[in-house]
Amino acid sequence: MIRVLFFLWARLSAEDWIGARAPYEGQETVLTTMDGNKHKGWFGSATPDAIVLQTKAGERSFAKREVLQVSVKRRDRLPRASTGALIGASIPIFAGLIARSWGAAPYIPPFALYGAGLGSIGRTHEPVYRRNVP
């Protein structure tokens, strides 16, 4: 319990400008600077006035004043794909129930694959910090 409380306190105190949705250490991160350059890497740490990103070239620190946006990779593609597959598979099942015929049964796998494909596409990075620029 003490370990959990310490983890939460350290996370909230050091990363307060990123907010409650702060990335965890090692999470794939895309950082956009004020001049429009994008830096891809892995989240290292954050302080109230800077963020550290582990890039292929090494460790880079960015001051808060030069950061426009911080985005992290979303990890919810599998749940969205499985939900899409369930919805897609239910379409021919309900069509067969309405028509009172099981002739729609061969269409269940293709509709499930189509639903899984639609469910898995979308945004891959979610912004956790965006600077308000006038």
N, C-alpha and C. Protein backbone atom coordinates (compact mmCIF):
# COMPACT_ATOMS: atom_id res chain seq x y z
N MET A 1 0.82 -1.19 0.00
CA MET A 1 0.00 0.00 0.00
C MET A 1 0.86 1.26 0.00
N ILE A 2 1.91 1.26 0.82
CA ILE A 2 2.79 2.43 0.88
C ILE A 2 3.49 2.63 -0.45
N ARG A 3 3.87 1.53 -1.09
CA ARG A 3 4.53 1.61 -2.39
C ARG A 3 3.61 2.26 -3.43
N VAL A 4 2.34 1.88 -3.42
CA VAL A 4 1.36 2.45 -4.35
C VAL A 4 1.18 3.93 -4.09
N LEU A 5 1.04 4.32 -2.83
CA LEU A 5 0.87 5.73 -2.51
C LEU A 5 2.09 6.55 -2.91
N PHE A 6 3.29 6.01 -2.67
CA PHE A 6 4.51 6.70 -3.07
C PHE A 6 4.56 6.87 -4.59
N PHE A 7 4.19 5.81 -5.32
CA PHE A 7 4.19 5.86 -6.79
C PHE A 7 3.24 6.95 -7.27
N LEU A 8 2.04 7.00 -6.71
CA LEU A 8 1.07 8.01 -7.12
C LEU A 8 1.54 9.41 -6.77
N TRP A 9 2.11 9.59 -5.58
CA TRP A 9 2.60 10.91 -5.18
C TRP A 9 3.72 11.36 -6.10
N ALA A 10 4.67 10.48 -6.39
CA ALA A 10 5.80 10.84 -7.25
C ALA A 10 5.33 11.17 -8.65
N ARG A 11 4.38 10.40 -9.13
CA ARG A 11 3.87 10.61 -10.48
C ARG A 11 3.15 11.94 -10.58
N LEU A 12 2.29 12.26 -9.63
CA LEU A 12 1.53 13.49 -9.70
C LEU A 12 2.38 14.72 -9.43
N SER A 13 3.35 14.63 -8.54
CA SER A 13 4.15 15.81 -8.23
C SER A 13 5.12 16.16 -9.35
N ALA A 14 5.72 15.17 -9.98
CA ALA A 14 6.72 15.44 -11.01
C ALA A 14 6.10 15.76 -12.37
N GLU A 15 4.93 15.26 -12.61
CA GLU A 15 4.36 15.38 -13.95
C GLU A 15 3.08 16.20 -13.95
N ASP A 16 2.96 17.16 -13.06
CA ASP A 16 1.70 17.88 -12.92
C ASP A 16 1.33 18.68 -14.17
N TRP A 17 2.29 19.11 -14.97
CA TRP A 17 1.95 19.85 -16.18
C TRP A 17 1.47 18.94 -17.29
N ILE A 18 1.81 17.68 -17.24
CA ILE A 18 1.29 16.73 -18.22
C ILE A 18 -0.09 16.26 -17.80
N GLY A 19 -0.35 16.17 -16.52
CA GLY A 19 -1.68 15.84 -16.03
C GLY A 19 -1.79 14.39 -15.58
N ALA A 20 -3.01 14.00 -15.28
CA ALA A 20 -3.28 12.67 -14.75
C ALA A 20 -3.06 11.58 -15.79
N ARG A 21 -3.09 11.94 -17.07
CA ARG A 21 -2.90 10.94 -18.12
C ARG A 21 -1.43 10.84 -18.54
N ALA A 22 -0.53 11.13 -17.62
CA ALA A 22 0.90 11.13 -17.92
C ALA A 22 1.36 9.75 -18.37
N PRO A 23 2.28 9.70 -19.31
CA PRO A 23 2.79 8.40 -19.77
C PRO A 23 3.65 7.74 -18.70
N TYR A 24 3.77 6.44 -18.80
CA TYR A 24 4.64 5.71 -17.89
C TYR A 24 6.02 5.57 -18.53
N GLU A 25 7.02 5.28 -17.74
CA GLU A 25 8.39 5.20 -18.23
C GLU A 25 8.51 4.09 -19.27
N GLY A 26 9.08 4.42 -20.42
CA GLY A 26 9.26 3.46 -21.50
C GLY A 26 8.12 3.43 -22.50
N GLN A 27 7.07 4.21 -22.28
CA GLN A 27 5.94 4.23 -23.21
C GLN A 27 6.32 5.01 -24.47
N GLU A 28 5.92 4.48 -25.62
CA GLU A 28 6.22 5.13 -26.89
C GLU A 28 5.55 6.50 -26.93
N THR A 29 6.34 7.53 -27.22
CA THR A 29 5.87 8.91 -27.12
C THR A 29 6.30 9.71 -28.34
N VAL A 30 5.43 10.61 -28.78
CA VAL A 30 5.76 11.56 -29.84
C VAL A 30 5.64 12.96 -29.25
N LEU A 31 6.71 13.72 -29.32
CA LEU A 31 6.76 15.06 -28.76
C LEU A 31 6.91 16.06 -29.91
N THR A 32 6.04 17.05 -29.96
CA THR A 32 6.09 18.09 -30.98
C THR A 32 6.55 19.38 -30.33
N THR A 33 7.59 19.98 -30.90
CA THR A 33 8.11 21.23 -30.35
C THR A 33 7.40 22.42 -30.99
N MET A 34 7.64 23.60 -30.46
CA MET A 34 6.98 24.82 -30.94
C MET A 34 7.32 25.13 -32.39
N ASP A 35 8.50 24.71 -32.86
CA ASP A 35 8.87 24.97 -34.25
C ASP A 35 8.31 23.92 -35.21
N GLY A 36 7.52 22.95 -34.72
CA GLY A 36 6.85 21.97 -35.57
C GLY A 36 7.60 20.66 -35.75
N ASN A 37 8.79 20.54 -35.19
CA ASN A 37 9.54 19.28 -35.31
C ASN A 37 8.95 18.22 -34.40
N LYS A 38 8.86 16.99 -34.92
CA LYS A 38 8.36 15.87 -34.12
C LYS A 38 9.53 14.99 -33.72
N HIS A 39 9.53 14.62 -32.46
CA HIS A 39 10.58 13.76 -31.91
C HIS A 39 9.91 12.50 -31.38
N LYS A 40 10.30 11.35 -31.95
CA LYS A 40 9.74 10.07 -31.51
C LYS A 40 10.72 9.38 -30.59
N GLY A 41 10.19 8.74 -29.57
CA GLY A 41 11.04 8.03 -28.63
C GLY A 41 10.21 7.40 -27.54
N TRP A 42 10.83 7.19 -26.39
CA TRP A 42 10.19 6.56 -25.26
C TRP A 42 10.26 7.51 -24.08
N PHE A 43 9.17 7.61 -23.35
CA PHE A 43 9.09 8.52 -22.22
C PHE A 43 10.11 8.13 -21.17
N GLY A 44 10.88 9.10 -20.70
CA GLY A 44 11.86 8.86 -19.65
C GLY A 44 11.35 9.34 -18.31
N SER A 45 11.17 10.67 -18.19
CA SER A 45 10.68 11.24 -16.95
C SER A 45 10.18 12.64 -17.23
N ALA A 46 9.55 13.23 -16.21
CA ALA A 46 9.07 14.60 -16.34
C ALA A 46 9.27 15.32 -15.02
N THR A 47 9.58 16.59 -15.12
CA THR A 47 9.66 17.47 -13.96
C THR A 47 8.66 18.59 -14.21
N PRO A 48 8.42 19.46 -13.25
CA PRO A 48 7.47 20.54 -13.49
C PRO A 48 7.85 21.49 -14.64
N ASP A 49 9.13 21.50 -15.05
CA ASP A 49 9.52 22.41 -16.12
C ASP A 49 10.23 21.74 -17.30
N ALA A 50 10.27 20.40 -17.36
CA ALA A 50 10.94 19.71 -18.48
C ALA A 50 10.42 18.28 -18.61
N ILE A 51 10.68 17.72 -19.78
CA ILE A 51 10.36 16.32 -20.05
C ILE A 51 11.57 15.67 -20.70
N VAL A 52 11.86 14.43 -20.33
CA VAL A 52 13.00 13.70 -20.88
C VAL A 52 12.47 12.59 -21.77
N LEU A 53 13.01 12.53 -22.98
CA LEU A 53 12.60 11.54 -23.97
C LEU A 53 13.81 10.71 -24.37
N GLN A 54 13.68 9.40 -24.34
CA GLN A 54 14.74 8.50 -24.80
C GLN A 54 14.54 8.29 -26.30
N THR A 55 15.47 8.79 -27.10
CA THR A 55 15.38 8.63 -28.55
C THR A 55 16.47 7.66 -29.00
N LYS A 56 16.47 7.34 -30.29
CA LYS A 56 17.51 6.46 -30.82
C LYS A 56 18.89 7.10 -30.71
N ALA A 57 18.92 8.44 -30.76
CA ALA A 57 20.18 9.16 -30.67
C ALA A 57 20.66 9.32 -29.23
N GLY A 58 19.80 9.00 -28.28
CA GLY A 58 20.16 9.15 -26.87
C GLY A 58 19.08 9.88 -26.10
N GLU A 59 19.41 10.28 -24.90
CA GLU A 59 18.45 10.94 -24.04
C GLU A 59 18.39 12.43 -24.37
N ARG A 60 17.16 12.95 -24.56
CA ARG A 60 16.98 14.36 -24.87
C ARG A 60 16.02 14.97 -23.87
N SER A 61 16.33 16.16 -23.42
CA SER A 61 15.49 16.88 -22.48
C SER A 61 14.88 18.08 -23.21
N PHE A 62 13.59 18.29 -22.99
CA PHE A 62 12.88 19.41 -23.61
C PHE A 62 12.26 20.26 -22.51
N ALA A 63 12.50 21.55 -22.57
CA ALA A 63 11.90 22.47 -21.60
C ALA A 63 10.41 22.61 -21.90
N LYS A 64 9.63 22.84 -20.88
CA LYS A 64 8.18 22.96 -21.05
C LYS A 64 7.82 24.07 -22.02
N ARG A 65 8.56 25.16 -22.01
CA ARG A 65 8.24 26.30 -22.87
C ARG A 65 8.42 25.98 -24.36
N GLU A 66 9.22 24.96 -24.70
CA GLU A 66 9.42 24.63 -26.12
C GLU A 66 8.59 23.44 -26.59
N VAL A 67 7.73 22.88 -25.71
CA VAL A 67 6.89 21.73 -26.06
C VAL A 67 5.51 22.20 -26.47
N LEU A 68 5.08 21.80 -27.65
CA LEU A 68 3.73 22.13 -28.12
C LEU A 68 2.75 21.02 -27.75
N GLN A 69 3.14 19.76 -27.99
CA GLN A 69 2.24 18.64 -27.74
C GLN A 69 3.03 17.40 -27.37
N VAL A 70 2.47 16.60 -26.48
CA VAL A 70 3.01 15.29 -26.12
C VAL A 70 1.92 14.27 -26.37
N SER A 71 2.21 13.27 -27.19
CA SER A 71 1.24 12.21 -27.49
C SER A 71 1.84 10.86 -27.13
N VAL A 72 0.99 9.94 -26.68
CA VAL A 72 1.44 8.59 -26.34
C VAL A 72 0.70 7.59 -27.20
N LYS A 73 1.34 6.46 -27.42
CA LYS A 73 0.74 5.41 -28.23
C LYS A 73 -0.42 4.77 -27.48
N ARG A 74 -1.53 4.65 -28.17
CA ARG A 74 -2.70 4.01 -27.58
C ARG A 74 -2.54 2.50 -27.62
N ARG A 75 -3.05 1.85 -26.62
CA ARG A 75 -2.94 0.39 -26.53
C ARG A 75 -4.31 -0.26 -26.49
N ASP A 76 -5.27 0.36 -27.14
CA ASP A 76 -6.61 -0.19 -27.08
C ASP A 76 -7.10 -0.74 -28.42
N ARG A 77 -6.18 -1.07 -29.31
CA ARG A 77 -6.57 -1.56 -30.62
C ARG A 77 -7.24 -2.93 -30.55
N LEU A 78 -6.73 -3.84 -29.72
CA LEU A 78 -7.31 -5.18 -29.60
C LEU A 78 -8.73 -5.15 -29.05
N PRO A 79 -9.01 -4.42 -27.97
CA PRO A 79 -10.41 -4.36 -27.51
C PRO A 79 -11.35 -3.76 -28.54
N ARG A 80 -10.88 -2.73 -29.25
CA ARG A 80 -11.74 -2.14 -30.28
C ARG A 80 -11.98 -3.12 -31.43
N ALA A 81 -10.96 -3.90 -31.80
CA ALA A 81 -11.12 -4.88 -32.88
C ALA A 81 -12.07 -5.99 -32.46
N SER A 82 -11.97 -6.45 -31.21
CA SER A 82 -12.87 -7.53 -30.78
C SER A 82 -14.30 -7.03 -30.67
N THR A 83 -14.49 -5.79 -30.25
CA THR A 83 -15.85 -5.23 -30.22
C THR A 83 -16.41 -5.12 -31.63
N GLY A 84 -15.57 -4.66 -32.56
CA GLY A 84 -16.01 -4.58 -33.96
C GLY A 84 -16.34 -5.94 -34.54
N ALA A 85 -15.56 -6.96 -34.17
CA ALA A 85 -15.85 -8.31 -34.66
C ALA A 85 -17.18 -8.82 -34.12
N LEU A 86 -17.46 -8.57 -32.87
CA LEU A 86 -18.74 -8.99 -32.29
C LEU A 86 -19.91 -8.28 -32.95
N ILE A 87 -19.77 -6.99 -33.18
CA ILE A 87 -20.84 -6.25 -33.85
C ILE A 87 -21.01 -6.74 -35.28
N GLY A 88 -19.88 -6.94 -35.98
CA GLY A 88 -19.95 -7.43 -37.36
C GLY A 88 -20.57 -8.82 -37.46
N ALA A 89 -20.25 -9.70 -36.52
CA ALA A 89 -20.81 -11.05 -36.55
C ALA A 89 -22.29 -11.05 -36.20
N SER A 90 -22.72 -10.08 -35.42
CA SER A 90 -24.13 -10.06 -35.03
C SER A 90 -25.06 -9.62 -36.15
N ILE A 91 -24.54 -8.91 -37.14
CA ILE A 91 -25.38 -8.42 -38.23
C ILE A 91 -26.03 -9.57 -38.99
N PRO A 92 -25.28 -10.56 -39.51
CA PRO A 92 -25.97 -11.66 -40.21
C PRO A 92 -26.82 -12.53 -39.28
N ILE A 93 -26.43 -12.61 -38.01
CA ILE A 93 -27.24 -13.40 -37.07
C ILE A 93 -28.61 -12.76 -36.90
N PHE A 94 -28.64 -11.45 -36.67
CA PHE A 94 -29.92 -10.76 -36.52
C PHE A 94 -30.70 -10.74 -37.83
N ALA A 95 -30.00 -10.63 -38.96
CA ALA A 95 -30.69 -10.69 -40.26
C ALA A 95 -31.35 -12.05 -40.44
N GLY A 96 -30.66 -13.11 -40.02
CA GLY A 96 -31.25 -14.45 -40.10
C GLY A 96 -32.43 -14.62 -39.17
N LEU A 97 -32.37 -14.04 -38.00
CA LEU A 97 -33.49 -14.11 -37.06
C LEU A 97 -34.70 -13.35 -37.59
N ILE A 98 -34.46 -12.19 -38.18
CA ILE A 98 -35.56 -11.39 -38.71
C ILE A 98 -36.21 -12.11 -39.90
N ALA A 99 -35.37 -12.69 -40.76
CA ALA A 99 -35.89 -13.38 -41.94
C ALA A 99 -36.35 -14.80 -41.62
N ARG A 100 -36.10 -15.25 -40.38
CA ARG A 100 -36.44 -16.62 -39.96
C ARG A 100 -35.81 -17.66 -40.87
N SER A 101 -34.54 -17.39 -41.18
CA SER A 101 -33.78 -18.29 -42.05
C SER A 101 -32.33 -18.27 -41.59
N TRP A 102 -31.68 -19.42 -41.68
CA TRP A 102 -30.26 -19.48 -41.33
C TRP A 102 -29.38 -19.43 -42.58
N GLY A 103 -29.91 -18.89 -43.66
CA GLY A 103 -29.12 -18.74 -44.88
C GLY A 103 -28.04 -17.68 -44.76
N ALA A 104 -28.12 -16.85 -43.72
CA ALA A 104 -27.12 -15.80 -43.53
C ALA A 104 -25.90 -16.30 -42.77
N ALA A 105 -25.91 -17.53 -42.28
CA ALA A 105 -24.81 -18.07 -41.46
C ALA A 105 -23.45 -18.02 -42.17
N PRO A 106 -23.36 -18.30 -43.47
CA PRO A 106 -22.03 -18.22 -44.11
C PRO A 106 -21.43 -16.82 -44.13
N TYR A 107 -22.25 -15.82 -43.89
CA TYR A 107 -21.76 -14.44 -43.92
C TYR A 107 -21.21 -13.98 -42.58
N ILE A 108 -21.32 -14.80 -41.54
CA ILE A 108 -20.85 -14.38 -40.22
C ILE A 108 -19.34 -14.12 -40.20
N PRO A 109 -18.47 -15.04 -40.68
CA PRO A 109 -17.03 -14.75 -40.63
C PRO A 109 -16.59 -13.52 -41.42
N PRO A 110 -17.09 -13.31 -42.66
CA PRO A 110 -16.66 -12.10 -43.36
C PRO A 110 -17.10 -10.81 -42.67
N PHE A 111 -18.32 -10.80 -42.14
CA PHE A 111 -18.80 -9.62 -41.43
C PHE A 111 -17.99 -9.40 -40.15
N ALA A 112 -17.62 -10.49 -39.47
CA ALA A 112 -16.81 -10.36 -38.26
C ALA A 112 -15.43 -9.78 -38.59
N LEU A 113 -14.82 -10.25 -39.68
CA LEU A 113 -13.52 -9.71 -40.09
C LEU A 113 -13.63 -8.24 -40.49
N TYR A 114 -14.70 -7.92 -41.19
CA TYR A 114 -14.92 -6.53 -41.59
C TYR A 114 -15.10 -5.65 -40.35
N GLY A 115 -15.87 -6.11 -39.39
CA GLY A 115 -16.06 -5.35 -38.15
C GLY A 115 -14.77 -5.21 -37.37
N ALA A 116 -13.95 -6.27 -37.33
CA ALA A 116 -12.67 -6.20 -36.62
C ALA A 116 -11.75 -5.19 -37.29
N GLY A 117 -11.74 -5.18 -38.61
CA GLY A 117 -10.92 -4.21 -39.34
C GLY A 117 -11.35 -2.79 -39.08
N LEU A 118 -12.65 -2.54 -39.12
CA LEU A 118 -13.14 -1.19 -38.84
C LEU A 118 -12.87 -0.78 -37.40
N GLY A 119 -12.98 -1.73 -36.49
CA GLY A 119 -12.75 -1.41 -35.08
C GLY A 119 -11.31 -1.09 -34.76
N SER A 120 -10.38 -1.68 -35.51
CA SER A 120 -8.96 -1.51 -35.18
C SER A 120 -8.35 -0.26 -35.80
N ILE A 121 -8.98 0.31 -36.81
CA ILE A 121 -8.40 1.51 -37.42
C ILE A 121 -8.71 2.74 -36.57
N GLY A 122 -7.97 3.74 -36.76
CA GLY A 122 -8.20 4.98 -36.02
C GLY A 122 -6.89 5.57 -35.55
N ARG A 123 -7.02 6.53 -34.69
CA ARG A 123 -5.86 7.25 -34.17
C ARG A 123 -4.96 6.30 -33.37
N THR A 124 -3.67 6.36 -33.61
CA THR A 124 -2.75 5.48 -32.89
C THR A 124 -2.07 6.19 -31.73
N HIS A 125 -2.06 7.53 -31.72
CA HIS A 125 -1.45 8.29 -30.64
C HIS A 125 -2.49 9.23 -30.05
N GLU A 126 -2.52 9.30 -28.73
CA GLU A 126 -3.46 10.16 -28.03
C GLU A 126 -2.71 11.29 -27.34
N PRO A 127 -3.10 12.54 -27.57
CA PRO A 127 -2.42 13.65 -26.91
C PRO A 127 -2.68 13.65 -25.40
N VAL A 128 -1.61 13.80 -24.61
CA VAL A 128 -1.75 13.91 -23.16
C VAL A 128 -1.43 15.33 -22.70
N TYR A 129 -0.80 16.11 -23.55
CA TYR A 129 -0.53 17.51 -23.24
C TYR A 129 -0.56 18.30 -24.53
N ARG A 130 -1.24 19.42 -24.52
CA ARG A 130 -1.25 20.32 -25.67
C ARG A 130 -1.21 21.75 -25.13
N ARG A 131 -0.23 22.48 -25.60
CA ARG A 131 -0.06 23.86 -25.16
C ARG A 131 -1.07 24.74 -25.89
N ASN A 132 -1.70 25.63 -25.17
CA ASN A 132 -2.62 26.59 -25.78
C ASN A 132 -1.81 27.74 -26.36
N VAL A 133 -1.79 27.82 -27.67
CA VAL A 133 -1.04 28.87 -28.36
C VAL A 133 -2.03 29.85 -28.92
N PRO A 134 -1.90 31.14 -28.56
CA PRO A 134 -2.85 32.14 -29.08
C PRO A 134 -2.67 32.41 -30.55
